[in-house]
N, C-alpha and C. Protein backbone atom coordinates (compact mmCIF):
# COMPACT_ATOMS: atom_id res chain seq x y z
N ASN A 1 -185.97 -218.83 27.67
CA ASN A 1 -186.37 -220.14 28.45
C ASN A 1 -186.79 -221.17 27.55
N MET A 2 -186.57 -222.58 28.01
CA MET A 2 -187.00 -223.65 27.25
C MET A 2 -187.88 -224.59 28.22
N PHE A 3 -188.87 -225.25 27.63
CA PHE A 3 -189.47 -226.13 28.28
C PHE A 3 -189.32 -227.41 27.38
N LEU A 4 -188.58 -228.46 27.91
CA LEU A 4 -188.36 -229.55 27.00
C LEU A 4 -189.02 -230.80 27.67
N VAL A 5 -189.50 -231.71 26.73
CA VAL A 5 -190.03 -232.82 27.24
C VAL A 5 -189.04 -233.82 27.43
N THR A 6 -188.90 -234.43 28.63
CA THR A 6 -188.05 -235.33 29.06
C THR A 6 -188.27 -236.79 29.23
N ASN A 7 -189.58 -237.04 29.13
CA ASN A 7 -190.08 -238.38 29.23
C ASN A 7 -190.45 -239.07 27.82
N ASP A 8 -190.08 -238.31 26.66
CA ASP A 8 -190.43 -238.79 25.48
C ASP A 8 -189.40 -238.48 24.51
N ARG A 9 -189.41 -239.09 23.34
CA ARG A 9 -188.59 -238.80 22.13
C ARG A 9 -189.35 -238.74 21.05
N MET A 10 -189.06 -237.78 20.06
CA MET A 10 -189.75 -237.59 18.84
C MET A 10 -188.74 -237.65 17.58
N TYR A 11 -188.58 -238.88 16.92
CA TYR A 11 -187.50 -238.88 15.81
C TYR A 11 -188.06 -238.38 14.52
N HIS A 12 -189.39 -238.31 14.42
CA HIS A 12 -190.09 -237.78 13.31
C HIS A 12 -191.53 -237.49 13.63
N GLY A 13 -192.26 -236.58 12.94
CA GLY A 13 -193.78 -236.38 13.29
C GLY A 13 -194.04 -235.04 12.99
N LYS A 14 -195.02 -234.68 13.61
CA LYS A 14 -195.78 -233.27 13.40
C LYS A 14 -196.04 -232.74 14.85
N MET A 15 -195.51 -231.48 14.84
CA MET A 15 -195.70 -230.64 16.15
C MET A 15 -196.35 -229.29 15.92
N THR A 16 -197.35 -229.02 16.77
CA THR A 16 -198.05 -227.83 16.52
C THR A 16 -198.28 -227.20 17.90
N ALA A 17 -198.08 -225.84 18.01
CA ALA A 17 -198.40 -224.97 19.03
C ALA A 17 -199.00 -223.70 18.68
N THR A 18 -199.94 -223.14 19.60
CA THR A 18 -200.73 -221.98 19.45
C THR A 18 -199.97 -221.01 20.58
N LEU A 19 -199.65 -219.93 20.23
CA LEU A 19 -199.10 -218.86 21.16
C LEU A 19 -199.36 -217.54 20.82
N ILE A 20 -199.31 -216.83 21.94
CA ILE A 20 -199.42 -215.34 21.80
C ILE A 20 -198.31 -214.57 22.67
N ALA A 21 -197.67 -213.76 21.99
CA ALA A 21 -196.50 -212.98 22.66
C ALA A 21 -196.94 -211.59 23.03
N PRO A 22 -196.60 -211.07 24.15
CA PRO A 22 -196.88 -209.77 24.43
C PRO A 22 -196.37 -208.76 23.45
N SER A 23 -197.07 -207.80 23.01
CA SER A 23 -196.72 -206.83 21.92
C SER A 23 -195.82 -205.91 22.41
N GLN A 24 -195.58 -205.78 23.73
CA GLN A 24 -194.70 -204.68 24.22
C GLN A 24 -193.09 -205.26 24.24
N TYR A 25 -192.77 -206.59 23.82
CA TYR A 25 -191.62 -207.04 23.86
C TYR A 25 -191.10 -207.48 22.53
N ASN A 26 -189.83 -207.24 22.16
CA ASN A 26 -189.24 -207.67 21.04
C ASN A 26 -188.80 -209.16 21.44
N ASN A 27 -189.25 -210.11 20.65
CA ASN A 27 -188.80 -211.53 21.09
C ASN A 27 -189.16 -212.48 19.95
N ASP A 28 -188.66 -213.66 20.25
CA ASP A 28 -188.75 -214.89 19.24
C ASP A 28 -189.33 -216.07 20.09
N ASN A 29 -190.34 -216.66 19.82
CA ASN A 29 -190.95 -217.64 20.51
C ASN A 29 -191.36 -218.83 19.59
N GLY A 30 -191.40 -220.01 19.93
CA GLY A 30 -191.82 -221.11 19.06
C GLY A 30 -191.59 -222.38 19.54
N ILE A 31 -191.25 -223.41 18.55
CA ILE A 31 -191.17 -224.88 18.84
C ILE A 31 -189.67 -225.23 18.62
N VAL A 32 -189.14 -226.17 19.52
CA VAL A 32 -187.82 -226.78 19.44
C VAL A 32 -188.04 -228.20 19.17
N PHE A 33 -187.26 -228.56 18.14
CA PHE A 33 -187.33 -230.05 17.77
C PHE A 33 -185.97 -230.52 17.26
N GLY A 34 -185.84 -231.89 17.04
CA GLY A 34 -184.55 -232.43 16.58
C GLY A 34 -183.35 -232.20 17.58
N MET A 35 -183.55 -232.04 18.85
CA MET A 35 -182.55 -231.87 19.82
C MET A 35 -181.77 -232.89 20.10
N THR A 36 -180.46 -232.86 20.04
CA THR A 36 -179.48 -233.97 20.20
C THR A 36 -179.23 -234.35 21.68
N GLU A 37 -179.49 -233.33 22.49
CA GLU A 37 -179.13 -233.67 24.04
C GLU A 37 -179.66 -234.90 24.56
N ASP A 38 -178.81 -235.78 25.17
CA ASP A 38 -179.57 -237.10 25.72
C ASP A 38 -179.99 -236.75 27.06
N THR A 39 -179.33 -235.84 27.87
CA THR A 39 -179.69 -235.48 29.21
C THR A 39 -179.91 -234.11 29.29
N TYR A 40 -181.02 -233.81 29.97
CA TYR A 40 -181.56 -232.33 30.00
C TYR A 40 -181.12 -231.80 31.38
N GLU A 41 -180.26 -232.38 32.11
CA GLU A 41 -179.89 -231.91 33.43
C GLU A 41 -179.06 -230.65 33.29
N GLN A 42 -178.29 -230.32 32.11
CA GLN A 42 -177.84 -229.21 32.10
C GLN A 42 -177.91 -228.78 30.54
N TYR A 43 -178.21 -227.45 30.47
CA TYR A 43 -178.57 -226.89 29.20
C TYR A 43 -177.90 -225.56 28.94
N TYR A 44 -177.24 -225.46 27.79
CA TYR A 44 -176.56 -224.20 27.36
C TYR A 44 -177.25 -223.52 26.22
N PHE A 45 -177.52 -222.22 26.29
CA PHE A 45 -178.42 -221.62 25.26
C PHE A 45 -177.79 -221.51 23.94
N TRP A 46 -176.57 -221.14 23.70
CA TRP A 46 -175.94 -220.84 22.40
C TRP A 46 -174.94 -221.78 22.05
N GLU A 47 -173.68 -221.42 22.15
CA GLU A 47 -172.64 -222.13 21.56
C GLU A 47 -172.32 -223.49 22.30
N ASP A 48 -172.62 -223.54 23.51
CA ASP A 48 -172.20 -224.83 24.23
C ASP A 48 -173.49 -225.64 24.56
N GLY A 49 -173.46 -226.94 24.14
CA GLY A 49 -174.65 -227.68 24.37
C GLY A 49 -175.22 -228.41 23.11
N PRO A 50 -176.51 -228.67 23.29
CA PRO A 50 -177.07 -229.56 22.23
C PRO A 50 -177.26 -228.70 20.85
N THR A 51 -177.49 -229.49 19.86
CA THR A 51 -177.86 -228.95 18.45
C THR A 51 -179.37 -229.11 18.46
N TYR A 52 -180.16 -228.22 17.89
CA TYR A 52 -181.59 -228.30 17.67
C TYR A 52 -182.01 -227.38 16.65
N TYR A 53 -183.27 -227.66 16.14
CA TYR A 53 -184.09 -226.93 15.32
C TYR A 53 -185.00 -225.98 16.03
N PHE A 54 -185.22 -224.74 15.60
CA PHE A 54 -186.09 -223.89 16.25
C PHE A 54 -187.12 -223.21 15.18
N LEU A 55 -188.27 -223.41 15.24
CA LEU A 55 -189.23 -222.78 14.37
C LEU A 55 -189.77 -221.78 15.23
N PHE A 56 -189.87 -220.51 14.81
CA PHE A 56 -190.42 -219.34 15.66
C PHE A 56 -190.89 -218.16 14.85
N VAL A 57 -191.71 -217.43 15.70
CA VAL A 57 -192.35 -216.25 15.21
C VAL A 57 -191.48 -215.16 15.65
N SER A 58 -190.95 -214.32 14.79
CA SER A 58 -190.14 -213.23 15.16
C SER A 58 -191.02 -211.92 15.30
N ASP A 59 -190.54 -210.98 16.04
CA ASP A 59 -191.20 -209.79 16.26
C ASP A 59 -191.46 -208.98 15.02
N ASP A 60 -190.68 -209.37 13.97
CA ASP A 60 -190.97 -208.48 12.78
C ASP A 60 -191.84 -209.29 11.85
N ALA A 61 -192.87 -210.08 12.41
CA ALA A 61 -193.94 -210.73 11.66
C ALA A 61 -193.35 -211.73 10.66
N THR A 62 -192.29 -212.40 11.05
CA THR A 62 -191.71 -213.52 10.01
C THR A 62 -191.77 -214.72 10.88
N LEU A 63 -191.77 -215.83 9.92
CA LEU A 63 -191.56 -217.15 10.53
C LEU A 63 -190.05 -217.62 10.26
N TYR A 64 -189.27 -218.02 11.13
CA TYR A 64 -188.00 -218.33 11.05
C TYR A 64 -187.89 -219.85 11.30
N LEU A 65 -187.17 -220.44 10.48
CA LEU A 65 -186.54 -221.87 10.73
C LEU A 65 -185.15 -221.82 10.93
N ALA A 66 -184.49 -222.09 11.97
CA ALA A 66 -183.08 -221.93 12.45
C ALA A 66 -182.68 -223.17 12.97
N LYS A 67 -181.17 -223.26 13.00
CA LYS A 67 -180.63 -224.39 13.63
C LYS A 67 -179.65 -223.75 14.66
N VAL A 68 -179.57 -224.31 15.74
CA VAL A 68 -178.67 -223.99 16.87
C VAL A 68 -177.61 -225.13 16.94
N SER A 69 -176.35 -224.80 17.11
CA SER A 69 -175.42 -225.93 16.97
C SER A 69 -174.17 -225.43 17.67
N ASP A 70 -173.35 -226.29 18.12
CA ASP A 70 -172.07 -225.91 18.78
C ASP A 70 -170.83 -226.38 17.95
N ASN A 71 -171.15 -226.46 16.55
CA ASN A 71 -170.19 -227.02 15.66
C ASN A 71 -169.29 -225.85 14.98
N GLY A 72 -169.07 -224.58 15.67
CA GLY A 72 -168.41 -223.54 15.20
C GLY A 72 -169.32 -222.64 14.46
N ASN A 73 -170.54 -222.86 14.17
CA ASN A 73 -171.55 -222.03 13.53
C ASN A 73 -172.84 -222.11 14.29
N PRO A 74 -172.65 -221.44 15.41
CA PRO A 74 -173.84 -221.58 16.58
C PRO A 74 -175.34 -221.19 16.09
N TRP A 75 -175.49 -220.37 15.35
CA TRP A 75 -176.79 -219.93 14.97
C TRP A 75 -176.88 -219.85 13.40
N THR A 76 -177.81 -220.66 12.92
CA THR A 76 -177.76 -220.67 11.33
C THR A 76 -179.36 -220.43 10.89
N GLU A 77 -179.56 -219.34 10.27
CA GLU A 77 -181.07 -219.13 9.77
C GLU A 77 -181.07 -219.98 8.40
N LEU A 78 -181.91 -220.97 8.59
CA LEU A 78 -182.23 -221.76 7.36
C LEU A 78 -183.06 -221.19 6.53
N GLN A 79 -184.15 -220.65 6.89
CA GLN A 79 -185.14 -219.89 5.93
C GLN A 79 -185.99 -219.03 6.80
N ILE A 80 -186.38 -217.86 6.17
CA ILE A 80 -187.17 -216.72 6.85
C ILE A 80 -188.19 -216.33 5.81
N VAL A 81 -189.47 -216.27 6.31
CA VAL A 81 -190.53 -215.89 5.35
C VAL A 81 -191.49 -214.96 6.17
N PRO A 82 -192.08 -213.99 5.43
CA PRO A 82 -193.13 -213.19 6.06
C PRO A 82 -194.32 -214.10 6.32
N ILE A 83 -194.99 -213.73 7.44
CA ILE A 83 -196.22 -214.35 7.75
C ILE A 83 -197.44 -213.55 7.39
N PRO A 84 -198.19 -213.93 6.36
CA PRO A 84 -199.32 -213.20 5.80
C PRO A 84 -200.26 -212.92 6.85
N ASN A 85 -200.79 -211.61 6.95
CA ASN A 85 -201.87 -211.22 7.86
C ASN A 85 -201.58 -211.38 9.26
N TYR A 86 -200.34 -211.25 9.61
CA TYR A 86 -200.03 -211.42 11.02
C TYR A 86 -199.26 -210.11 11.61
N LYS A 87 -199.71 -209.64 12.79
CA LYS A 87 -198.88 -208.54 13.36
C LYS A 87 -198.47 -209.08 14.75
N HIS A 88 -197.39 -208.61 15.27
CA HIS A 88 -196.79 -209.10 16.49
C HIS A 88 -197.85 -208.64 17.69
N GLY A 89 -198.13 -209.69 18.47
CA GLY A 89 -199.19 -209.67 19.37
C GLY A 89 -200.41 -210.35 19.33
N ASP A 90 -200.52 -210.85 17.92
CA ASP A 90 -201.68 -211.62 17.50
C ASP A 90 -201.51 -213.10 18.02
N THR A 91 -202.52 -213.83 18.17
CA THR A 91 -202.48 -215.35 18.52
C THR A 91 -202.16 -215.90 17.15
N ILE A 92 -201.35 -216.91 17.18
CA ILE A 92 -200.83 -217.63 15.95
C ILE A 92 -200.59 -219.06 16.37
N THR A 93 -200.76 -219.94 15.38
CA THR A 93 -200.56 -221.35 15.43
C THR A 93 -199.49 -221.73 14.34
N ILE A 94 -198.37 -222.32 15.02
CA ILE A 94 -197.26 -222.76 14.08
C ILE A 94 -197.15 -224.32 14.16
N SER A 95 -196.67 -224.74 13.21
CA SER A 95 -196.47 -226.31 12.97
C SER A 95 -195.36 -226.63 12.20
N VAL A 96 -194.62 -227.80 12.48
CA VAL A 96 -193.57 -228.26 11.71
C VAL A 96 -193.93 -229.78 11.47
N GLU A 97 -193.64 -230.21 10.37
CA GLU A 97 -193.69 -231.74 9.88
C GLU A 97 -192.24 -231.94 9.60
N PHE A 98 -191.58 -233.14 10.18
CA PHE A 98 -190.39 -233.55 9.79
C PHE A 98 -190.24 -235.10 9.78
N ASP A 99 -189.29 -235.50 8.74
CA ASP A 99 -189.34 -236.94 8.63
C ASP A 99 -187.98 -237.60 9.35
N GLY A 100 -187.32 -236.79 10.09
CA GLY A 100 -186.22 -237.37 10.91
C GLY A 100 -185.08 -237.56 9.97
N GLU A 101 -184.97 -237.19 8.81
CA GLU A 101 -183.87 -237.40 7.80
C GLU A 101 -183.48 -236.08 7.21
N GLY A 102 -184.11 -235.04 7.61
CA GLY A 102 -183.68 -233.65 7.14
C GLY A 102 -184.78 -232.85 6.37
N SER A 103 -185.93 -233.51 6.06
CA SER A 103 -186.89 -232.77 5.38
C SER A 103 -187.93 -232.14 6.36
N MET A 104 -188.29 -230.81 6.17
CA MET A 104 -189.10 -230.17 7.18
C MET A 104 -190.11 -229.29 6.31
N ASP A 105 -191.41 -229.20 6.75
CA ASP A 105 -192.34 -228.44 6.21
C ASP A 105 -192.87 -227.63 7.43
N CYS A 106 -192.93 -226.37 7.17
CA CYS A 106 -193.43 -225.40 8.26
C CYS A 106 -194.59 -224.56 7.90
N TYR A 107 -195.51 -224.40 8.93
CA TYR A 107 -196.82 -223.68 8.73
C TYR A 107 -197.09 -222.53 9.74
N ALA A 108 -197.66 -221.61 9.36
CA ALA A 108 -198.26 -220.62 10.21
C ALA A 108 -199.68 -220.47 9.95
N ASN A 109 -200.62 -220.63 11.01
CA ASN A 109 -202.03 -220.47 10.81
C ASN A 109 -202.50 -221.45 9.61
N ASP A 110 -201.94 -222.64 9.54
CA ASP A 110 -202.26 -223.80 8.59
C ASP A 110 -202.00 -223.40 7.23
N GLU A 111 -201.08 -222.35 7.07
CA GLU A 111 -200.66 -221.95 5.67
C GLU A 111 -199.13 -222.50 5.51
N TRP A 112 -198.87 -223.35 4.58
CA TRP A 112 -197.58 -223.76 4.33
C TRP A 112 -196.63 -222.77 3.77
N LEU A 113 -195.56 -222.34 4.61
CA LEU A 113 -194.73 -221.37 4.19
C LEU A 113 -193.18 -221.68 4.15
N ILE A 114 -192.85 -222.74 4.61
CA ILE A 114 -191.38 -223.24 4.58
C ILE A 114 -191.37 -224.60 4.09
N SER A 115 -190.34 -225.01 3.14
CA SER A 115 -189.88 -226.32 2.92
C SER A 115 -188.51 -226.43 2.83
N TYR A 116 -187.86 -227.23 3.68
CA TYR A 116 -186.48 -227.10 3.81
C TYR A 116 -185.82 -228.61 3.94
N PHE A 117 -184.75 -228.79 3.46
CA PHE A 117 -184.11 -230.05 3.57
C PHE A 117 -182.59 -229.71 4.10
N ASP A 118 -182.27 -230.20 5.20
CA ASP A 118 -181.01 -230.02 5.86
C ASP A 118 -180.24 -231.42 5.75
N PRO A 119 -179.30 -231.34 4.97
CA PRO A 119 -178.45 -232.61 4.60
C PRO A 119 -177.54 -233.05 5.87
N ASP A 120 -177.59 -232.04 6.84
CA ASP A 120 -176.65 -232.49 8.02
C ASP A 120 -177.72 -232.43 9.30
N TRP A 121 -178.86 -233.43 9.06
CA TRP A 121 -179.88 -233.52 10.04
C TRP A 121 -179.15 -233.75 11.30
N THR A 122 -179.76 -233.31 12.46
CA THR A 122 -179.03 -233.47 13.79
C THR A 122 -179.26 -234.89 14.30
N GLY A 123 -180.36 -235.58 13.85
CA GLY A 123 -180.47 -237.05 14.38
C GLY A 123 -181.03 -236.99 15.84
N GLY A 124 -181.35 -235.77 16.43
CA GLY A 124 -181.89 -235.70 17.70
C GLY A 124 -183.37 -235.77 17.77
N ALA A 125 -183.83 -236.08 18.91
CA ALA A 125 -185.29 -236.63 19.11
C ALA A 125 -185.89 -235.85 20.21
N GLY A 126 -185.23 -234.87 20.80
CA GLY A 126 -185.69 -233.91 21.86
C GLY A 126 -186.70 -232.86 21.32
N TYR A 127 -187.61 -232.50 22.07
CA TYR A 127 -188.55 -231.41 21.52
C TYR A 127 -189.10 -230.67 22.79
N GLY A 128 -189.62 -229.43 22.33
CA GLY A 128 -190.29 -228.70 23.43
C GLY A 128 -190.58 -227.22 22.86
N ILE A 129 -190.75 -226.30 23.79
CA ILE A 129 -190.99 -225.01 23.31
C ILE A 129 -190.08 -224.03 23.91
N ARG A 130 -189.90 -222.88 23.27
CA ARG A 130 -188.86 -221.80 23.76
C ARG A 130 -189.49 -220.44 23.64
N CYS A 131 -189.32 -219.75 24.68
CA CYS A 131 -189.73 -218.17 24.79
C CYS A 131 -188.61 -217.41 25.20
N GLU A 132 -188.67 -216.29 24.74
CA GLU A 132 -187.52 -215.41 25.21
C GLU A 132 -187.91 -214.20 26.09
N VAL A 133 -189.16 -214.03 26.28
CA VAL A 133 -189.51 -212.96 27.26
C VAL A 133 -190.67 -213.57 28.19
N PRO A 134 -191.02 -212.85 29.30
CA PRO A 134 -192.09 -213.26 30.09
C PRO A 134 -193.55 -213.04 29.55
N ASP A 135 -194.41 -213.72 29.93
CA ASP A 135 -195.81 -213.48 29.55
C ASP A 135 -196.22 -213.99 28.17
N VAL A 136 -195.38 -214.87 27.73
CA VAL A 136 -195.76 -215.68 26.44
C VAL A 136 -196.80 -216.69 26.87
N CYS A 137 -197.85 -216.80 26.10
CA CYS A 137 -198.93 -217.97 26.36
C CYS A 137 -198.95 -218.90 25.40
N TYR A 138 -198.67 -220.12 25.66
CA TYR A 138 -198.74 -221.20 24.73
C TYR A 138 -200.00 -222.05 25.13
N SER A 139 -200.72 -222.55 24.05
CA SER A 139 -201.84 -223.33 24.11
C SER A 139 -201.93 -224.47 23.20
N ASP A 140 -202.64 -225.54 23.40
CA ASP A 140 -202.82 -226.39 22.21
C ASP A 140 -201.69 -227.08 21.67
N LEU A 141 -200.73 -227.42 22.56
CA LEU A 141 -199.38 -228.06 22.14
C LEU A 141 -199.78 -229.54 21.74
N ILE A 142 -199.55 -229.78 20.44
CA ILE A 142 -199.87 -231.14 19.77
C ILE A 142 -198.74 -231.71 19.29
N VAL A 143 -198.57 -232.96 19.65
CA VAL A 143 -197.37 -233.80 19.20
C VAL A 143 -197.87 -235.05 18.53
N ASP A 144 -197.51 -235.37 17.32
CA ASP A 144 -197.98 -236.54 16.57
C ASP A 144 -196.96 -237.26 16.18
N HIS A 145 -196.48 -238.39 16.85
CA HIS A 145 -195.40 -239.32 16.44
C HIS A 145 -195.77 -240.31 15.42
N THR A 146 -197.05 -240.37 15.11
CA THR A 146 -197.48 -241.29 14.16
C THR A 146 -197.49 -240.78 12.80
N TRP A 147 -197.42 -239.49 12.70
CA TRP A 147 -197.39 -238.79 11.39
C TRP A 147 -196.26 -239.18 10.45
N GLU A 148 -196.62 -239.68 9.31
CA GLU A 148 -195.61 -240.04 8.35
C GLU A 148 -195.55 -239.01 7.13
N PRO A 149 -194.48 -238.73 6.64
CA PRO A 149 -194.41 -237.71 5.53
C PRO A 149 -194.93 -238.37 4.28
N ASP A 150 -195.52 -237.60 3.47
CA ASP A 150 -195.86 -237.96 2.17
C ASP A 150 -195.20 -237.66 0.98
N TRP A 151 -193.91 -237.25 1.29
CA TRP A 151 -193.02 -236.78 0.29
C TRP A 151 -192.08 -237.91 -0.11
């Protein structure tokens, strides 16, 4: 499931969410950003529909940065790193800072873990959260449009 913000656009900035996923499910939950879809009346999960980035916590205690696309390569793992001192079921805060031109920095519990540049940036400005199972709890969703990258 996805919750997408429909009354706002975010071309660059910083997005943060705190979440806890139930430990009894294998699941991936996190932040969606850079979504190209102009209208959210219809949404398709994988191959058909918008292109977007997904920063998420996986059940194997890793932080994933991925890209979902309908360009013939529907799911691309851009970078995967272990999250220090995290076990599935813990509360965690994840953040992404992006410049709207392909540069992304990703954090878990305020620790910088991923730096990535996508030369094929989506150009999208849609954003929200995504969860894969019931009982995922999000809190402290913070979106900062005024954030400017310092790289």
